[in-house]
Every structure is written in structure tokens, then in C-alpha cells.
Amino acid sequence: MITGDGNNAGARPGYALKAAARRRARARRAAVPVTVRDRAGAKAAEYFLNTIALSPGSIVAAYWPLGDEFDSRPLLHALFQTGHRVALPVVTGAGQALGFRIWQPGDSMTKSSFGVLEPLEGAAEVTPNVVTTPFLAYNAQGFRLGYGGGYYDRTLRALRQSVPGLLAVGLGFAAQTMAALPYDDHDEALDWLVTERGAQRFPHQRSGQY
């Protein structure tokens, strides 16, 4: 989890609505039963690899889970085992887009100021073709509710301007759906959603391989 930096947060329209939605979404995610959690990561990894067409040589960025976040580690290992290059995000500074460093099973990691495990500084820096993101909630239009810092929105916006066909994939529990999810012009939509129940492609997403 990457939390908010709070910069001018109160000045943004809809901030209070988003803050309330985050409280509800955190409670909903925390309430996901252990019986669902235990197998969710492996199921989602299978749906991801069987449904989303990845081009040879694609670099897939995921995340290392924190707290009650959806467990992405089965996907990280499955991607590596099927020959894909895997990267993890690195916080470069408040208000900045995320960086990405190559990760392999067994690599040493360091804990960031946010408490998130990241690859060491010596790991190769890369630009991903696919970015898999955590979230607090999602809606039917493909928008995700993040933690308030805007890191993934800034990152996806920047990568979409420089990486042709960039693919944004949300990874989480099916129970994290929220019909009345507030979003605005700062929010970047997902191309795909993958949960323990399957993979969903959103209408605005581009066709072809990534």
C-alpha cells in the first residue's frame, strides 16, 4: 500500500466523498473471509495468465502486498516462471510518478518510508508495458479508488504518454466493487480487472497484445 501525501488534498473537488468512500472500502476489504483470501491470489494469477495476452518480452510491473491487500505474490511468481520480466514499484518522492526495478524470486529487498518492500537500488530500472495495481475499490466503468496519494494515477498518466499500448490491470477481491465510487479528471481508468472470480476487460481498453 502506498498512502497519500496530502498535498492540497482538501482543495480538490470531491475529496470528502473520496475520504468517506475509502473508509467504507477499507472496512469491506478487511472483512473478506480468510477462506477467500487463502486461494484468491493463485486463482487470480491463473485468470491473469489465461486471459490477458502478453507479448514476448513484456515487462510486467506488479506490487508487493502490505497488510490486507490482495496477495499479488502468486502472480509475481507465475509471471517469472512463464518467462516474463517482472518489476516492482519504487517511490521516488512525494508528488512524483513511481519508478520500477526488476525483481526475481529470492532477491533481497528494502523497506521504503511507506513500509513497502522494494527492490534494492542496484536492481535494474525498467519501464513496464503492463502495470498491475492494488486498490481499495473499483466500479463498473473501470475506475479504481486508491489510497489518496495519486501515485498510480500520475504513473499511469505518464506511462500512457510514453509507452504505446500500456496496459493497466487492477488486482483485488471481487468484493471490493463499489457502485457509487467517486472519481474525477485526475483518475486514470483501468484496462483490465482481475479478481479471484475472473478477468474483466473494460470497454475503453485498447485491442491487441501488450
Protein backbone atom coordinates (compact mmCIF):
# COMPACT_ATOMS: atom_id res chain seq x y z
CA MET A 1 0.00 0.00 0.00
CA ILE A 2 1.18 3.50 -0.87
CA THR A 3 -0.56 6.15 1.17
CA GLY A 4 -1.45 9.73 0.37
CA ASP A 5 0.98 12.61 0.54
CA GLY A 6 -1.77 15.05 1.50
CA ASN A 7 -0.60 17.84 -0.80
CA ASN A 8 -3.55 20.23 -1.29
CA ALA A 9 -5.83 17.26 -0.72
CA GLY A 10 -8.56 19.31 0.89
CA ALA A 11 -8.69 21.71 -2.05
CA ARG A 12 -9.62 19.07 -4.61
CA PRO A 13 -13.30 18.72 -5.51
CA GLY A 14 -14.83 15.55 -4.14
CA TYR A 15 -12.06 14.98 -1.58
CA ALA A 16 -14.55 14.49 1.26
CA LEU A 17 -16.53 12.00 -0.85
CA LYS A 18 -13.39 10.04 -1.63
CA ALA A 19 -12.29 10.04 2.01
CA ALA A 20 -15.64 8.62 3.07
CA ALA A 21 -15.51 6.04 0.28
CA ARG A 22 -12.02 4.99 1.40
CA ARG A 23 -13.25 4.34 4.93
CA ARG A 24 -16.05 2.14 3.64
CA ALA A 25 -13.76 0.38 1.20
CA ARG A 26 -11.11 -0.37 3.84
CA ALA A 27 -13.73 -1.94 6.09
CA ARG A 28 -15.10 -4.02 3.20
CA ARG A 29 -11.66 -5.29 2.21
CA ALA A 30 -10.76 -6.12 5.82
CA ALA A 31 -13.96 -8.19 6.06
CA VAL A 32 -13.04 -10.55 3.20
CA PRO A 33 -13.06 -14.05 4.78
CA VAL A 34 -9.82 -15.92 5.28
CA THR A 35 -11.23 -18.79 3.25
CA VAL A 36 -11.43 -16.44 0.26
CA ARG A 37 -8.05 -14.81 0.89
CA ASP A 38 -6.15 -18.09 1.09
CA ARG A 39 -6.84 -19.08 -2.51
CA ALA A 40 -7.57 -15.72 -4.14
CA GLY A 41 -4.03 -14.92 -5.25
CA ALA A 42 -3.50 -18.24 -7.02
CA LYS A 43 -6.88 -18.07 -8.73
CA ALA A 44 -6.26 -14.52 -9.94
CA ALA A 45 -2.82 -15.45 -11.26
CA GLU A 46 -4.39 -18.21 -13.33
CA TYR A 47 -7.07 -15.89 -14.72
CA PHE A 48 -4.46 -13.23 -15.49
CA LEU A 49 -2.19 -15.53 -17.49
CA ASN A 50 -5.02 -17.36 -19.27
CA THR A 51 -6.94 -14.23 -20.28
CA ILE A 52 -4.55 -11.31 -20.84
CA ALA A 53 -2.37 -11.71 -23.93
CA LEU A 54 1.18 -10.64 -23.11
CA SER A 55 3.63 -10.04 -25.91
CA PRO A 56 7.02 -11.79 -25.70
CA GLY A 57 9.45 -9.54 -23.90
CA SER A 58 6.79 -7.64 -21.98
CA ILE A 59 7.84 -6.16 -18.65
CA VAL A 60 5.05 -6.55 -16.10
CA ALA A 61 5.05 -4.36 -13.01
CA ALA A 62 3.10 -5.60 -10.02
CA TYR A 63 3.34 -4.76 -6.30
CA TRP A 64 4.39 -6.41 -3.06
CA PRO A 65 1.31 -6.70 -0.80
CA LEU A 66 1.07 -4.92 2.53
CA GLY A 67 -1.45 -5.59 5.30
CA ASP A 68 -4.77 -6.86 3.99
CA GLU A 69 -4.04 -6.01 0.35
CA PHE A 70 -4.82 -8.69 -2.23
CA ASP A 71 -1.89 -11.12 -2.33
CA SER A 72 -0.08 -10.49 -5.61
CA ARG A 73 2.82 -12.84 -4.88
CA PRO A 74 1.33 -15.86 -6.71
CA LEU A 75 1.08 -13.67 -9.81
CA LEU A 76 4.65 -12.40 -9.40
CA HIS A 77 5.98 -15.95 -9.25
CA ALA A 78 3.73 -17.19 -12.07
CA LEU A 79 4.86 -14.38 -14.37
CA PHE A 80 8.51 -15.12 -13.63
CA GLN A 81 8.04 -18.86 -14.14
CA THR A 82 6.42 -18.28 -17.53
CA GLY A 83 9.39 -16.23 -18.75
CA HIS A 84 8.19 -12.67 -18.24
CA ARG A 85 10.30 -9.91 -16.76
CA VAL A 86 8.78 -8.69 -13.51
CA ALA A 87 9.23 -5.31 -11.84
CA LEU A 88 8.13 -3.74 -8.57
CA PRO A 89 7.34 -0.06 -7.93
CA VAL A 90 9.70 2.29 -6.14
CA VAL A 91 8.62 5.58 -4.55
CA THR A 92 10.86 8.31 -5.95
CA GLY A 93 9.40 11.21 -3.97
CA ALA A 94 6.19 12.86 -2.81
CA GLY A 95 4.11 14.02 -5.76
CA GLN A 96 6.26 12.07 -8.25
CA ALA A 97 5.46 9.16 -10.55
CA LEU A 98 6.65 5.74 -9.40
CA GLY A 99 9.85 4.19 -10.68
CA PHE A 100 10.21 0.47 -11.36
CA ARG A 101 13.02 -2.02 -10.69
CA ILE A 102 13.42 -5.60 -11.83
CA TRP A 103 12.52 -8.30 -9.28
CA GLN A 104 13.25 -12.02 -9.20
CA PRO A 105 12.32 -14.63 -6.57
CA GLY A 106 14.91 -14.66 -3.80
CA ASP A 107 16.07 -11.07 -4.36
CA SER A 108 16.91 -9.03 -1.27
CA MET A 109 14.51 -6.16 -0.66
CA THR A 110 14.46 -2.96 1.35
CA LYS A 111 11.57 -1.30 3.19
CA SER A 112 10.57 2.17 1.96
CA SER A 113 9.46 5.05 4.17
CA PHE A 114 5.89 3.88 3.47
CA GLY A 115 6.63 0.43 4.87
CA VAL A 116 6.50 -1.21 1.43
CA LEU A 117 9.16 -3.70 0.35
CA GLU A 118 11.09 -2.54 -2.74
CA PRO A 119 13.97 -3.94 -4.81
CA LEU A 120 17.41 -2.69 -3.78
CA GLU A 121 18.96 0.33 -5.51
CA GLY A 122 21.26 -1.92 -7.52
CA ALA A 123 18.34 -3.62 -9.28
CA ALA A 124 17.90 -2.61 -12.92
CA GLU A 125 15.47 0.25 -13.54
CA VAL A 126 12.93 -0.50 -16.28
CA THR A 127 9.85 0.90 -18.00
CA PRO A 128 6.94 -1.56 -17.86
CA ASN A 129 4.46 -2.38 -20.63
CA VAL A 130 1.90 -3.63 -18.10
CA VAL A 131 1.21 -2.12 -14.67
CA THR A 132 -0.75 -4.15 -12.13
CA THR A 133 -2.17 -2.02 -9.33
CA PRO A 134 -3.78 -2.57 -5.94
CA PHE A 135 -6.87 -0.60 -4.94
CA LEU A 136 -9.41 -0.03 -2.19
CA ALA A 137 -12.43 -0.25 -4.52
CA TYR A 138 -13.38 -0.36 -8.20
CA ASN A 139 -16.51 0.35 -10.24
CA ALA A 140 -18.15 -0.98 -13.38
CA GLN A 141 -16.55 1.76 -15.51
CA GLY A 142 -13.02 0.59 -14.67
CA PHE A 143 -12.05 3.30 -12.21
CA ARG A 144 -10.18 2.39 -9.05
CA LEU A 145 -10.17 4.10 -5.67
CA GLY A 146 -6.61 4.38 -4.41
CA TYR A 147 -5.11 5.49 -1.13
CA GLY A 148 -5.12 9.24 -1.74
CA GLY A 149 -1.56 9.99 -2.83
CA GLY A 150 -2.22 9.78 -6.56
CA TYR A 151 0.94 7.79 -7.21
CA TYR A 152 -0.58 5.26 -9.57
CA ASP A 153 -2.69 7.86 -11.39
CA ARG A 154 0.40 10.03 -12.03
CA THR A 155 2.39 6.97 -13.06
CA LEU A 156 -0.22 5.62 -15.47
CA ARG A 157 -0.77 9.07 -16.99
CA ALA A 158 2.96 9.50 -17.63
CA LEU A 159 3.45 5.98 -18.99
CA ARG A 160 0.45 6.25 -21.31
CA GLN A 161 2.12 9.24 -22.92
CA SER A 162 5.40 7.43 -23.49
CA VAL A 163 4.65 3.69 -23.74
CA PRO A 164 2.47 2.67 -26.72
CA GLY A 165 -0.28 0.29 -25.68
CA LEU A 166 0.43 0.50 -21.96
CA LEU A 167 -1.92 -1.80 -20.07
CA ALA A 168 -3.27 -1.01 -16.57
CA VAL A 169 -4.60 -4.00 -14.64
CA GLY A 170 -6.33 -3.77 -11.27
CA LEU A 171 -5.76 -6.73 -8.94
CA GLY A 172 -8.09 -7.26 -6.00
CA PHE A 173 -11.05 -9.03 -4.45
CA ALA A 174 -14.39 -9.20 -6.24
CA ALA A 175 -15.97 -7.93 -3.00
CA GLN A 176 -14.19 -4.58 -3.45
CA THR A 177 -16.70 -3.42 -6.05
CA MET A 178 -18.43 -0.12 -5.26
CA ALA A 179 -21.29 1.14 -7.41
CA ALA A 180 -21.16 4.76 -6.22
CA LEU A 181 -17.41 5.30 -6.48
CA PRO A 182 -16.33 8.97 -6.74
CA TYR A 183 -13.75 9.77 -9.43
CA ASP A 184 -12.60 12.84 -11.33
CA ASP A 185 -10.29 14.02 -14.12
CA HIS A 186 -7.21 13.13 -12.05
CA ASP A 187 -8.13 9.44 -12.03
CA GLU A 188 -6.78 7.03 -14.64
CA ALA A 189 -9.08 4.18 -15.68
CA LEU A 190 -8.07 0.53 -15.73
CA ASP A 191 -7.94 -1.56 -18.89
CA TRP A 192 -8.50 -4.83 -17.05
CA LEU A 193 -9.66 -6.01 -13.65
CA VAL A 194 -8.55 -9.39 -12.28
CA THR A 195 -10.08 -10.90 -9.14
CA GLU A 196 -10.42 -14.38 -7.65
CA ARG A 197 -13.58 -14.74 -9.76
CA GLY A 198 -12.18 -13.90 -13.18
CA ALA A 199 -10.83 -11.23 -15.51
CA GLN A 200 -12.87 -8.33 -16.87
CA ARG A 201 -11.94 -6.10 -19.78
CA PHE A 202 -13.33 -2.56 -19.80
CA PRO A 203 -14.89 -1.02 -22.93
CA HIS A 204 -12.38 1.81 -23.26
CA GLN A 205 -9.39 -0.53 -23.32
CA ARG A 206 -7.35 -0.94 -26.49
CA SER A 207 -7.24 -4.11 -28.56
CA GLY A 208 -4.26 -6.28 -29.36
CA GLN A 209 -1.34 -7.67 -27.39
CA TYR A 210 0.76 -5.83 -24.80
